[in-house]
Protein backbone atom coordinates (compact mmCIF):
# COMPACT_ATOMS: atom_id res chain seq x y z
CA UNK A 1 13.55 -23.92 -23.04
CA UNK A 2 10.01 -23.28 -24.25
CA UNK A 3 8.95 -26.74 -23.03
CA UNK A 4 10.42 -26.06 -19.59
CA UNK A 5 8.56 -22.77 -19.36
CA UNK A 6 5.35 -24.52 -20.43
CA UNK A 7 5.77 -26.99 -17.54
CA UNK A 8 5.70 -24.17 -14.99
CA UNK A 9 2.14 -23.62 -13.68
CA UNK A 10 0.51 -20.48 -15.04
CA UNK A 11 0.07 -18.76 -11.63
CA UNK A 12 3.76 -19.25 -10.90
CA UNK A 13 4.72 -17.88 -14.33
CA UNK A 14 2.57 -14.81 -13.76
CA UNK A 15 4.09 -14.28 -10.31
CA UNK A 16 7.63 -14.59 -11.68
CA UNK A 17 6.81 -11.99 -14.34
CA UNK A 18 5.52 -9.61 -11.66
CA UNK A 19 8.63 -10.07 -9.51
CA UNK A 20 10.78 -9.68 -12.61
CA UNK A 21 9.16 -6.34 -13.47
CA UNK A 22 9.93 -5.00 -9.97
CA UNK A 23 13.55 -6.21 -10.05
CA UNK A 24 14.18 -4.85 -13.56
CA UNK A 25 12.63 -1.49 -12.61
CA UNK A 26 14.91 -1.30 -9.56
CA UNK A 27 18.02 -2.07 -11.65
CA UNK A 28 17.07 0.49 -14.30
CA UNK A 29 16.52 3.18 -11.66
CA UNK A 30 19.87 2.41 -10.03
CA UNK A 31 21.61 2.71 -13.41
CA UNK A 32 19.90 6.04 -14.10
CA UNK A 33 20.87 7.33 -10.65
CA UNK A 34 24.52 6.28 -11.11
CA UNK A 35 24.61 8.08 -14.49
CA UNK A 36 23.00 11.23 -12.98
CA UNK A 37 20.13 10.97 -15.46
CA UNK A 38 17.39 11.40 -12.86
CA UNK A 39 16.44 14.82 -11.52
CA UNK A 40 16.48 15.50 -7.78
CA UNK A 41 12.67 15.61 -7.82
CA UNK A 42 12.35 12.18 -9.47
CA UNK A 43 14.96 10.70 -7.13
CA UNK A 44 12.94 11.97 -4.18
CA UNK A 45 9.85 10.18 -5.57
CA UNK A 46 11.42 6.70 -5.47
CA UNK A 47 10.60 5.91 -1.83
CA UNK A 48 7.03 7.35 -2.08
CA UNK A 49 6.56 5.16 -5.17
CA UNK A 50 7.36 2.09 -3.08
CA UNK A 51 4.94 3.32 -0.40
CA UNK A 52 2.10 3.75 -2.89
CA UNK A 53 2.78 0.38 -4.54
CA UNK A 54 2.58 -1.39 -1.16
CA UNK A 55 -0.62 0.52 -0.34
CA UNK A 56 -2.21 -0.31 -3.71
CA UNK A 57 -1.32 -4.01 -3.52
CA UNK A 58 -2.55 -4.31 0.08
CA UNK A 59 -5.82 -2.49 -0.66
CA UNK A 60 -6.36 -4.71 -3.72
CA UNK A 61 -6.34 -7.65 -1.31
CA UNK A 62 -9.43 -6.18 0.39
CA UNK A 63 -11.18 -4.63 -2.61
CA UNK A 64 -10.20 -6.99 -5.42
CA UNK A 65 -9.65 -10.36 -3.75
CA UNK A 66 -12.08 -10.14 -0.82
CA UNK A 67 -14.55 -7.95 -2.70
CA UNK A 68 -15.19 -5.44 0.11
CA UNK A 69 -14.95 -1.67 -0.38
CA UNK A 70 -12.74 -0.04 2.25
CA UNK A 71 -12.15 3.73 2.43
CA UNK A 72 -10.12 3.75 5.64
CA UNK A 73 -6.84 2.34 4.34
CA UNK A 74 -5.03 5.60 5.08
CA UNK A 75 -6.01 5.13 8.74
CA UNK A 76 -4.00 1.90 8.96
CA UNK A 77 -1.11 3.62 7.19
CA UNK A 78 -1.33 6.40 9.80
CA UNK A 79 -1.24 3.89 12.66
CA UNK A 80 1.81 2.14 11.22
CA UNK A 81 3.58 5.45 10.53
CA UNK A 82 3.14 6.78 14.06
CA UNK A 83 3.77 3.46 15.81
CA UNK A 84 7.04 3.00 13.90
CA UNK A 85 8.07 6.65 14.31
CA UNK A 86 7.25 6.57 18.03
CA UNK A 87 9.39 3.46 18.53
CA UNK A 88 12.27 5.02 16.58
CA UNK A 89 12.22 8.26 18.61
CA UNK A 90 12.04 6.42 21.94
CA UNK A 91 14.83 3.96 21.05
CA UNK A 92 16.97 6.44 19.09
CA UNK A 93 19.64 6.61 21.80
CA UNK A 94 19.25 2.99 22.90
CA UNK A 95 19.55 1.15 19.56
CA UNK A 96 22.23 3.02 17.64
CA UNK A 97 22.34 0.61 14.69
CA UNK A 98 19.82 2.37 12.44
CA UNK A 99 19.02 -0.57 10.12
CA UNK A 100 18.17 -2.92 12.99
CA UNK A 101 16.08 -0.19 14.65
CA UNK A 102 14.27 0.45 11.37
CA UNK A 103 13.49 -3.26 10.89
CA UNK A 104 12.03 -3.39 14.40
CA UNK A 105 10.00 -0.25 13.64
CA UNK A 106 8.59 -1.92 10.51
CA UNK A 107 7.58 -5.00 12.50
CA UNK A 108 5.97 -2.86 15.21
CA UNK A 109 4.12 -0.73 12.66
CA UNK A 110 2.80 -3.85 10.91
CA UNK A 111 1.79 -5.40 14.24
CA UNK A 112 -0.07 -2.31 15.49
CA UNK A 113 -1.90 -1.79 12.20
CA UNK A 114 -2.70 -5.51 11.98
CA UNK A 115 -4.11 -5.62 15.53
CA UNK A 116 -6.31 -2.59 14.82
CA UNK A 117 -7.34 -4.20 11.52
CA UNK A 118 -8.45 -7.27 13.47
CA UNK A 119 -10.29 -5.24 16.12
CA UNK A 120 -11.99 -3.01 13.54
CA UNK A 121 -12.72 -5.94 11.23
CA UNK A 122 -14.68 -7.91 13.85
CA UNK A 123 -17.66 -5.50 13.89
CA UNK A 124 -17.09 -3.72 10.56
CA UNK A 125 -17.01 -6.76 8.27
CA UNK A 126 -20.57 -7.56 9.24
CA UNK A 127 -21.52 -4.65 6.98
CA UNK A 128 -21.39 -4.83 3.20
CA UNK A 129 -21.18 -2.43 0.27
CA UNK A 130 -21.75 1.25 0.98
CA UNK A 131 -22.18 0.69 4.72
CA UNK A 132 -18.73 -0.88 5.03
CA UNK A 133 -17.21 1.99 3.02
CA UNK A 134 -18.80 4.59 5.33
CA UNK A 135 -17.69 2.83 8.53
CA UNK A 136 -14.09 2.38 7.35
CA UNK A 137 -14.00 6.01 6.20
CA UNK A 138 -15.12 7.08 9.68
CA UNK A 139 -12.42 4.91 11.25
CA UNK A 140 -9.70 6.57 9.17
CA UNK A 141 -10.87 10.06 10.14
CA UNK A 142 -11.16 9.12 13.84
CA UNK A 143 -7.60 7.76 13.94
CA UNK A 144 -6.20 10.88 12.25
CA UNK A 145 -8.02 13.26 14.60
CA UNK A 146 -7.08 11.36 17.76
CA UNK A 147 -3.38 11.45 16.84
CA UNK A 148 -3.69 15.17 16.02
CA UNK A 149 -4.96 15.80 19.56
CA UNK A 150 -2.50 13.49 21.34
CA UNK A 151 0.53 14.68 23.35
CA UNK A 152 3.03 12.09 24.59
CA UNK A 153 6.19 12.82 26.58
CA UNK A 154 8.97 10.75 28.10
CA UNK A 155 11.14 11.39 31.17
CA UNK A 156 12.86 9.30 33.85
CA UNK A 157 9.46 8.47 35.38
CA UNK A 158 8.09 6.98 32.14
CA UNK A 159 5.53 8.08 29.58
CA UNK A 160 3.10 10.97 30.07
CA UNK A 161 -0.09 11.45 28.05
CA UNK A 162 -2.37 14.44 27.52
CA UNK A 163 -5.12 15.60 25.16
CA UNK A 164 -4.71 19.30 26.06
CA UNK A 165 -1.18 20.54 25.37
CA UNK A 166 2.47 19.68 26.00
CA UNK A 167 2.55 21.72 29.24
CA UNK A 168 -0.09 19.42 30.73
CA UNK A 169 2.25 16.42 30.48
CA UNK A 170 3.86 17.29 33.82
CA UNK A 171 7.33 16.06 32.91
CA UNK A 172 10.62 16.75 34.66
CA UNK A 173 13.28 19.12 33.36
CA UNK A 174 14.95 16.46 31.22
CA UNK A 175 11.70 15.19 29.77
CA UNK A 176 11.12 15.35 26.03
CA UNK A 177 7.96 15.47 23.96
CA UNK A 178 7.64 12.57 21.50
CA UNK A 179 4.23 13.33 19.94
CA UNK A 180 3.40 17.03 20.00
CA UNK A 181 -0.24 17.17 18.93
CA UNK A 182 -0.79 18.56 15.43
CA UNK A 183 2.97 19.04 15.03
CA UNK A 184 3.35 15.27 15.18
CA UNK A 185 6.79 13.71 15.63
CA UNK A 186 9.73 15.88 14.62
CA UNK A 187 13.43 15.14 14.13
CA UNK A 188 12.92 11.75 12.48
CA UNK A 189 15.99 9.93 11.13
CA UNK A 190 15.57 9.34 7.39
CA UNK A 191 16.21 5.60 7.37
CA UNK A 192 14.05 4.80 4.33
CA UNK A 193 15.92 4.07 1.10
CA UNK A 194 14.88 2.94 -2.36
CA UNK A 195 16.58 -0.42 -1.78
CA UNK A 196 14.64 -1.06 1.45
CA UNK A 197 11.44 0.13 -0.24
CA UNK A 198 11.95 -2.29 -3.13
CA UNK A 199 12.63 -5.17 -0.72
CA UNK A 200 9.40 -4.35 1.13
CA UNK A 201 7.50 -4.24 -2.19
CA UNK A 202 8.84 -7.72 -3.04
CA UNK A 203 7.91 -9.04 0.42
CA UNK A 204 4.41 -7.55 0.05
CA UNK A 205 4.01 -9.18 -3.37
CA UNK A 206 5.28 -12.49 -1.99
CA UNK A 207 2.73 -12.44 0.84
CA UNK A 208 -0.24 -11.33 -1.29
CA UNK A 209 0.45 -13.50 -4.35
CA UNK A 210 1.09 -16.61 -2.27
CA UNK A 211 -2.11 -15.97 -0.32
CA UNK A 212 -4.09 -15.56 -3.55
CA UNK A 213 -2.78 -18.83 -5.00
CA UNK A 214 -3.24 -20.78 -1.76
CA UNK A 215 -6.24 -22.69 -0.46
CA UNK A 216 -7.07 -19.75 1.82
CA UNK A 217 -6.92 -17.39 -1.15
CA UNK A 218 -9.35 -19.52 -3.13
CA UNK A 219 -11.70 -19.51 -0.14
CA UNK A 220 -11.48 -15.71 0.08
CA UNK A 221 -12.24 -15.34 -3.63
CA UNK A 222 -15.18 -17.73 -3.34
CA UNK A 223 -16.62 -15.46 -0.63
CA UNK A 224 -16.22 -12.53 -3.02
CA UNK A 225 -17.98 -14.40 -5.84
CA UNK A 226 -20.85 -15.89 -3.85
CA UNK A 227 -21.16 -15.49 -0.09
CA UNK A 228 -24.15 -17.79 0.34
CA UNK A 229 -22.63 -20.59 -1.75
CA UNK A 230 -19.38 -20.33 0.26
CA UNK A 231 -21.25 -20.67 3.54
CA UNK A 232 -23.21 -23.62 2.20
CA UNK A 233 -20.04 -25.65 1.53
CA UNK A 234 -18.66 -24.98 5.01
CA UNK A 235 -16.27 -22.06 4.44
CA UNK A 236 -15.79 -19.99 7.60
CA UNK A 237 -16.68 -16.62 6.10
CA UNK A 238 -15.83 -14.54 9.19
CA UNK A 239 -12.41 -16.14 9.58
CA UNK A 240 -11.36 -15.60 5.98
CA UNK A 241 -12.71 -12.07 5.84
CA UNK A 242 -10.75 -11.17 8.97
CA UNK A 243 -7.64 -12.86 7.55
CA UNK A 244 -7.68 -10.79 4.37
CA UNK A 245 -8.61 -7.55 6.15
CA UNK A 246 -5.92 -7.97 8.85
CA UNK A 247 -3.15 -8.80 6.38
CA UNK A 248 -4.19 -5.82 4.25
CA UNK A 249 -4.09 -3.52 7.31
CA UNK A 250 -0.68 -4.86 8.44
CA UNK A 251 0.83 -4.23 5.00
CA UNK A 252 -0.59 -0.70 5.05
CA UNK A 253 1.19 -0.28 8.39
CA UNK A 254 4.46 -1.33 6.74
CA UNK A 255 3.91 1.32 4.06
CA UNK A 256 3.26 3.86 6.82
CA UNK A 257 6.58 3.11 8.54
CA UNK A 258 8.43 3.42 5.23
CA UNK A 259 6.64 6.73 4.63
CA UNK A 260 7.32 8.20 8.09
CA UNK A 261 11.03 7.35 7.96
CA UNK A 262 11.38 9.21 4.67
CA UNK A 263 10.47 12.55 6.31
CA UNK A 264 12.02 14.78 8.94
CA UNK A 265 8.67 15.18 10.68
CA UNK A 266 5.42 13.21 10.64
CA UNK A 267 2.05 14.95 11.01
CA UNK A 268 -1.39 13.36 10.77
CA UNK A 269 -2.58 15.92 8.22
CA UNK A 270 -5.47 15.31 5.79
CA UNK A 271 -2.95 15.39 2.93
CA UNK A 272 -0.84 12.60 4.42
CA UNK A 273 -3.39 10.27 5.99
CA UNK A 274 -6.82 11.68 5.24
CA UNK A 275 -9.73 10.77 3.01
CA UNK A 276 -7.91 11.97 -0.12
CA UNK A 277 -5.09 9.48 0.47
CA UNK A 278 -7.56 6.58 0.75
CA UNK A 279 -9.32 7.69 -2.44
CA UNK A 280 -6.01 8.05 -4.30
CA UNK A 281 -5.00 4.49 -3.37
CA UNK A 282 -8.45 3.25 -4.40
CA UNK A 283 -7.98 4.98 -7.77
CA UNK A 284 -4.74 3.04 -8.25
CA UNK A 285 -6.59 -0.21 -7.56
CA UNK A 286 -9.55 0.55 -9.84
CA UNK A 287 -7.51 1.86 -12.77
CA UNK A 288 -5.00 -0.96 -12.53
CA UNK A 289 -7.80 -3.50 -12.50
CA UNK A 290 -9.69 -4.75 -9.44
CA UNK A 291 -8.01 -8.00 -8.44
CA UNK A 292 -5.08 -7.37 -10.80
CA UNK A 293 -1.98 -7.06 -8.61
CA UNK A 294 0.39 -6.22 -11.46
CA UNK A 295 -2.05 -3.59 -12.72
CA UNK A 296 -2.09 -1.95 -9.28
CA UNK A 297 1.69 -1.65 -9.36
CA UNK A 298 1.71 -0.08 -12.82
CA UNK A 299 -1.16 2.30 -12.01
CA UNK A 300 0.50 3.42 -8.75
CA UNK A 301 3.78 4.19 -10.53
CA UNK A 302 2.24 5.91 -13.57
CA UNK A 303 -0.24 8.06 -11.63
CA UNK A 304 2.40 9.10 -9.08
CA UNK A 305 5.06 10.04 -11.64
CA UNK A 306 2.67 11.63 -14.15
CA UNK A 307 1.84 14.86 -12.20
CA UNK A 308 5.54 15.50 -11.69
CA UNK A 309 6.34 14.89 -15.36
CA UNK A 310 3.60 17.36 -16.32
CA UNK A 311 4.66 19.97 -13.75
CA UNK A 312 6.33 22.05 -16.47
CA UNK A 313 2.92 22.79 -18.02
CA UNK A 314 1.22 23.84 -14.82
CA UNK A 315 -1.82 25.41 -16.50
CA UNK A 316 -2.89 22.27 -18.36
CA UNK A 317 -1.32 19.72 -15.98
CA UNK A 318 -4.47 18.57 -14.18
CA UNK A 319 -6.50 18.65 -17.39
CA UNK A 320 -4.06 16.26 -19.11
CA UNK A 321 -3.93 14.14 -15.94
CA UNK A 322 -7.74 13.86 -15.91
CA UNK A 323 -7.87 12.92 -19.60
CA UNK A 324 -5.26 10.19 -19.03
CA UNK A 325 -7.33 8.85 -16.11
CA UNK A 326 -10.39 8.59 -18.37
CA UNK A 327 -8.38 6.91 -21.14
CA UNK A 328 -6.92 4.40 -18.68
CA UNK A 329 -10.39 3.63 -17.32
CA UNK A 330 -11.74 3.00 -20.83
CA UNK A 331 -8.69 0.91 -21.74
CA UNK A 332 -9.08 -1.31 -18.68
CA UNK A 333 -12.86 -1.61 -18.41
CA UNK A 334 -14.60 -0.95 -21.76
CA UNK A 335 -15.99 -4.28 -23.16
CA UNK A 336 -15.15 -3.31 -26.75
CA UNK A 337 -11.59 -2.37 -25.84
CA UNK A 338 -11.16 -5.57 -23.81
CA UNK A 339 -12.37 -7.57 -26.81
CA UNK A 340 -9.91 -5.75 -29.08
CA UNK A 341 -7.05 -6.32 -26.60
CA UNK A 342 -7.85 -10.02 -26.51
CA UNK A 343 -7.77 -10.28 -30.30
CA UNK A 344 -4.51 -8.35 -30.60
CA UNK A 345 -2.70 -9.72 -27.55
CA UNK A 346 0.83 -11.12 -27.82
CA UNK A 347 -0.45 -14.57 -26.94
CA UNK A 348 -3.01 -14.48 -29.76
CA UNK A 349 -0.40 -13.14 -32.21
CA UNK A 350 2.04 -15.94 -31.35
CA UNK A 351 -0.78 -18.49 -31.72
CA UNK A 352 -1.61 -17.22 -35.22
CA UNK A 353 2.09 -17.23 -36.13
CA UNK A 354 2.45 -20.88 -35.07
CA UNK A 355 -0.59 -21.84 -37.10
CA UNK A 356 0.86 -20.19 -40.21
CA UNK A 357 4.15 -22.02 -39.75
CA UNK A 358 2.29 -25.29 -39.30
CA UNK A 359 0.45 -24.75 -42.61
CA UNK A 360 3.68 -24.01 -44.44
């Protein structure tokens, strides 16, 4: 058995471990739910956990694998959320099979976010470092504010658009407002489930991990490590940058659709799709380890659940949360701690154990 495992390439073994962690976590949660051992609050966090994991993994593709700092990831999530929610509301009475309608909404949300990722990436990826971060941040805020000011209605004559108010749409008596400005889209069917969220997490991991371990992934990482050297050996830098950025944006759109279909109403508020959301996802990526996909998953889960676990001690909750953030940062990035972890890792311990047995 050990010999068979040793024959499996290391990247594949690591990927199988990552998929295994997700599957085991899903099974454990289902068992806890069936035994009524999870509170209503924790049960309600399961779908948002899947959303944040998808967001963290997709942003790690841009920040960790491509090596570009993006602060507008919430903007792509917002696009996916509203594109999917808009499709669902329009087709609610046409496609009555909710699962099929939801799958189509996911595909549309991913497509819209991916197209905008491509269009934004063409000019934006010419910038680097702080300039890229500022431009992507501006994009996220622009998207949020445009949707906040947008009114869209539907009647027998088709769609009506306005940037003033719902009365300016000029619809007939049987017309209905789909997007109502700052109120967003109301009356959403709650199609998102923990099972669907877990499946989308697995699909996201499959796409990102296979890209990383492919020829294209190695080209993307070479651009991150040394742009000039990559160009000198004939790597099309623009193409690979756009590939990573577009896939990352499309996956954020998927997370947005999952998020919007977990709520009764969707508003483009700063709390949902603003700068704070982008920073929170970036914190997941940094604390989990830049370029470490499994670390992003763990950080997203821990930092989402932790505030709710500490809610009982409201006075010291954010203080303890901040201390844990600092400890996690030191644990993941301090050279001394990394050296200690290497010496005391399970792999090193098993190696020393084998050597002792060989001597005996």
